[in-house]
N, C-alpha and C. Protein backbone atom coordinates (compact mmCIF):
# COMPACT_ATOMS: atom_id res chain seq x y z
N MET A 1 -9.46 -3.76 4.54
CA MET A 1 -8.74 -4.40 3.41
C MET A 1 -9.09 -5.61 3.17
N ALA A 2 -8.96 -6.51 4.46
CA ALA A 2 -9.48 -7.80 4.22
C ALA A 2 -10.84 -8.22 3.61
N ASP A 3 -11.59 -7.48 4.05
CA ASP A 3 -13.04 -7.60 3.59
C ASP A 3 -13.11 -7.31 2.34
N ILE A 4 -12.23 -6.33 1.62
CA ILE A 4 -12.41 -5.97 0.28
C ILE A 4 -11.50 -6.69 -0.78
N CYS A 5 -10.46 -6.77 -0.29
CA CYS A 5 -9.30 -7.43 -1.29
C CYS A 5 -9.34 -9.03 -1.14
N PRO A 6 -9.03 -9.67 -2.21
CA PRO A 6 -8.89 -11.26 -2.11
C PRO A 6 -8.16 -11.65 -1.06
N PRO A 7 -8.18 -12.89 -0.55
CA PRO A 7 -7.16 -13.24 0.56
C PRO A 7 -5.56 -13.39 0.08
N GLY A 8 -4.97 -13.35 0.94
CA GLY A 8 -3.43 -13.30 0.60
C GLY A 8 -2.84 -12.21 1.72
N LYS A 9 -1.50 -12.37 1.42
CA LYS A 9 -0.61 -11.35 2.38
C LYS A 9 -1.15 -9.70 1.88
N ASN A 10 -1.46 -8.92 2.58
CA ASN A 10 -1.75 -7.65 2.37
C ASN A 10 -1.16 -6.58 3.24
N GLN A 11 0.09 -7.05 4.24
CA GLN A 11 0.74 -6.04 4.68
C GLN A 11 2.18 -6.60 5.05
N TRP A 12 2.98 -5.78 5.13
CA TRP A 12 4.56 -6.16 5.45
C TRP A 12 5.06 -5.53 6.62
N PRO A 13 5.01 -5.65 8.04
CA PRO A 13 5.57 -5.09 9.09
C PRO A 13 6.96 -5.36 8.92
N GLU A 14 7.51 -6.59 8.20
CA GLU A 14 8.97 -6.75 8.47
C GLU A 14 9.80 -6.09 7.58
N LEU A 15 9.16 -5.26 6.63
CA LEU A 15 9.95 -4.69 5.67
C LEU A 15 10.40 -3.20 6.25
N VAL A 16 9.75 -2.67 7.21
CA VAL A 16 10.42 -1.51 7.72
C VAL A 16 11.80 -1.47 8.07
N GLY A 17 12.38 -0.48 7.48
CA GLY A 17 13.96 -0.25 7.87
C GLY A 17 14.86 -1.05 6.62
N ILE A 18 13.95 -1.72 5.69
CA ILE A 18 15.16 -2.26 4.43
C ILE A 18 14.66 -1.16 3.26
N LYS A 19 15.66 -1.32 2.18
CA LYS A 19 15.56 -0.62 1.09
C LYS A 19 14.46 -1.11 0.11
N ALA A 20 13.77 0.21 -0.47
CA ALA A 20 12.75 0.07 -1.28
C ALA A 20 12.61 -0.93 -2.29
N THR A 21 13.98 -1.11 -2.95
CA THR A 21 13.89 -1.88 -4.11
C THR A 21 13.77 -3.40 -3.56
N THR A 22 14.44 -3.92 -2.53
CA THR A 22 14.12 -5.01 -1.87
C THR A 22 12.68 -5.14 -1.47
N ALA A 23 12.29 -4.20 -0.66
CA ALA A 23 10.98 -4.54 -0.38
C ALA A 23 9.87 -4.76 -1.46
N GLU A 24 9.83 -3.72 -2.58
CA GLU A 24 9.10 -3.92 -3.68
C GLU A 24 9.18 -5.39 -4.12
N TYR A 25 10.31 -6.06 -4.22
CA TYR A 25 10.61 -7.50 -4.99
C TYR A 25 9.89 -8.24 -3.95
N ILE A 26 9.87 -8.34 -2.41
CA ILE A 26 9.24 -9.24 -1.64
C ILE A 26 7.75 -8.88 -1.76
N ILE A 27 7.23 -7.83 -1.82
CA ILE A 27 5.83 -7.61 -1.85
C ILE A 27 5.47 -8.19 -3.27
N ARG A 28 5.99 -8.03 -4.29
CA ARG A 28 5.44 -8.36 -5.70
C ARG A 28 5.47 -10.25 -5.41
N LYS A 29 6.40 -10.79 -4.90
CA LYS A 29 6.71 -12.24 -4.82
C LYS A 29 5.68 -12.61 -3.71
N ASP A 30 5.20 -12.21 -2.77
CA ASP A 30 4.52 -12.67 -1.53
C ASP A 30 3.03 -12.44 -2.31
N ASN A 31 2.47 -11.29 -2.93
CA ASN A 31 1.37 -11.16 -3.29
C ASN A 31 1.32 -10.72 -4.86
N PRO A 32 1.11 -11.81 -5.93
CA PRO A 32 1.23 -11.50 -7.39
C PRO A 32 0.06 -10.74 -7.69
N SER A 33 -1.01 -10.58 -7.06
CA SER A 33 -1.96 -9.60 -7.13
C SER A 33 -1.67 -8.16 -7.43
N VAL A 34 -0.64 -7.70 -6.52
CA VAL A 34 -0.04 -6.27 -6.47
C VAL A 34 0.50 -5.83 -7.75
N GLU A 35 0.01 -5.04 -8.65
CA GLU A 35 0.35 -4.82 -9.93
C GLU A 35 1.56 -3.44 -9.75
N LYS A 36 1.11 -2.48 -8.90
CA LYS A 36 1.72 -1.15 -8.85
C LYS A 36 2.18 -1.05 -7.21
N VAL A 37 3.61 -1.04 -7.16
CA VAL A 37 4.36 -0.75 -5.75
C VAL A 37 4.77 0.83 -6.27
N ILE A 38 4.03 1.72 -5.44
CA ILE A 38 4.57 3.19 -5.58
C ILE A 38 5.53 3.41 -4.49
N VAL A 39 6.67 3.99 -4.76
CA VAL A 39 7.59 4.55 -3.78
C VAL A 39 7.28 6.09 -3.71
N LEU A 40 7.26 6.51 -2.43
CA LEU A 40 7.01 7.94 -2.27
C LEU A 40 8.02 8.35 -0.90
N LEU A 41 8.19 9.41 -0.97
CA LEU A 41 8.99 10.18 0.28
C LEU A 41 7.81 10.34 1.37
N ALA A 42 8.20 9.83 2.40
CA ALA A 42 7.27 9.80 3.84
C ALA A 42 6.66 11.36 3.89
N GLY A 43 5.45 11.16 3.97
CA GLY A 43 4.71 12.58 4.14
C GLY A 43 4.16 12.88 3.07
N THR A 44 4.38 12.37 1.92
CA THR A 44 3.66 12.67 0.54
C THR A 44 2.35 12.47 0.49
N GLY A 45 1.47 13.27 0.05
CA GLY A 45 -0.13 12.78 0.07
C GLY A 45 -0.33 11.79 -1.14
N THR A 46 -1.37 11.19 -0.73
CA THR A 46 -1.88 10.11 -1.68
C THR A 46 -3.33 10.15 -2.05
N THR A 47 -3.81 9.43 -3.09
CA THR A 47 -5.14 9.43 -3.23
C THR A 47 -5.90 8.59 -2.05
N LYS A 48 -7.17 8.69 -1.84
CA LYS A 48 -7.90 8.00 -0.77
C LYS A 48 -8.47 6.83 -1.31
N ASP A 49 -8.61 6.54 -2.77
CA ASP A 49 -9.32 5.30 -2.93
C ASP A 49 -8.61 4.17 -2.49
N ILE A 50 -9.42 3.00 -2.39
CA ILE A 50 -9.08 1.55 -2.09
C ILE A 50 -8.59 0.75 -3.44
N ARG A 51 -7.41 0.33 -3.58
CA ARG A 51 -7.10 -0.67 -4.68
C ARG A 51 -6.46 -1.91 -4.24
N CYS A 52 -6.66 -3.11 -4.48
CA CYS A 52 -6.21 -4.24 -4.02
C CYS A 52 -4.87 -4.61 -5.09
N ASP A 53 -4.68 -3.87 -6.01
CA ASP A 53 -3.31 -4.07 -6.69
C ASP A 53 -2.47 -3.12 -6.60
N ARG A 54 -2.39 -2.39 -5.60
CA ARG A 54 -1.40 -1.19 -5.00
C ARG A 54 -0.84 -1.29 -4.06
N VAL A 55 0.27 -1.00 -3.68
CA VAL A 55 0.97 -0.75 -2.69
C VAL A 55 1.77 0.65 -2.41
N TRP A 56 1.38 1.59 -1.55
CA TRP A 56 2.06 2.69 -1.21
C TRP A 56 3.41 2.39 -0.42
N LEU A 57 4.47 2.59 -0.79
CA LEU A 57 5.86 2.25 -0.26
C LEU A 57 6.67 3.61 0.25
N PHE A 58 6.24 3.97 1.56
CA PHE A 58 6.81 5.13 1.87
C PHE A 58 8.23 5.17 2.49
N VAL A 59 9.16 6.10 1.98
CA VAL A 59 10.56 5.89 2.52
C VAL A 59 11.09 7.08 3.03
N ASN A 60 12.46 7.14 3.35
CA ASN A 60 12.86 8.21 3.86
C ASN A 60 14.14 8.62 2.78
N ILE A 61 15.05 9.69 2.99
CA ILE A 61 15.85 10.24 2.03
C ILE A 61 16.77 9.02 1.72
N GLU A 62 17.00 8.09 2.60
CA GLU A 62 17.95 6.84 2.16
C GLU A 62 17.34 5.87 1.40
N GLU A 63 15.88 5.98 1.05
CA GLU A 63 15.18 5.06 0.33
C GLU A 63 15.01 3.80 1.20
N LYS A 64 14.98 3.83 2.40
CA LYS A 64 14.46 2.91 3.29
C LYS A 64 13.03 3.03 3.79
N VAL A 65 12.32 1.93 3.74
CA VAL A 65 10.85 1.94 4.17
C VAL A 65 10.62 2.43 5.58
N VAL A 66 9.88 3.38 5.63
CA VAL A 66 9.45 3.95 7.14
C VAL A 66 8.12 3.67 7.77
N GLU A 67 7.23 3.27 6.98
CA GLU A 67 5.85 2.88 7.35
C GLU A 67 5.65 1.39 6.91
N ILE A 68 4.57 0.71 7.53
CA ILE A 68 4.26 -0.69 7.12
C ILE A 68 3.61 -0.47 5.84
N PRO A 69 4.07 -1.61 4.77
CA PRO A 69 3.38 -1.32 3.60
C PRO A 69 2.13 -2.11 3.54
N LYS A 70 1.16 -1.66 3.20
CA LYS A 70 -0.23 -2.16 3.05
C LYS A 70 -0.82 -2.06 1.49
N VAL A 71 -1.49 -3.14 1.40
CA VAL A 71 -2.41 -3.07 0.05
C VAL A 71 -3.48 -2.11 0.12
N GLY A 72 -3.68 -1.27 -0.69
CA GLY A 72 -4.66 -0.21 -0.56
C GLY A 72 -4.39 0.82 -1.48
């Protein structure tokens, strides 16, 4: 991702375990280039295209982040 996307924060390991709404706020604050934060239940399939303006946010049924959010 670092070779494709502009410099800046592009992953957030510190967000694992927190609520999706809080994680989305932090992601948008840390990287203004992110236009879409898409919240999905863990295990849901996604497209394989790489987008520097998108973060997939995988959560459990309690809406807590379960995977490291990354730009892409």
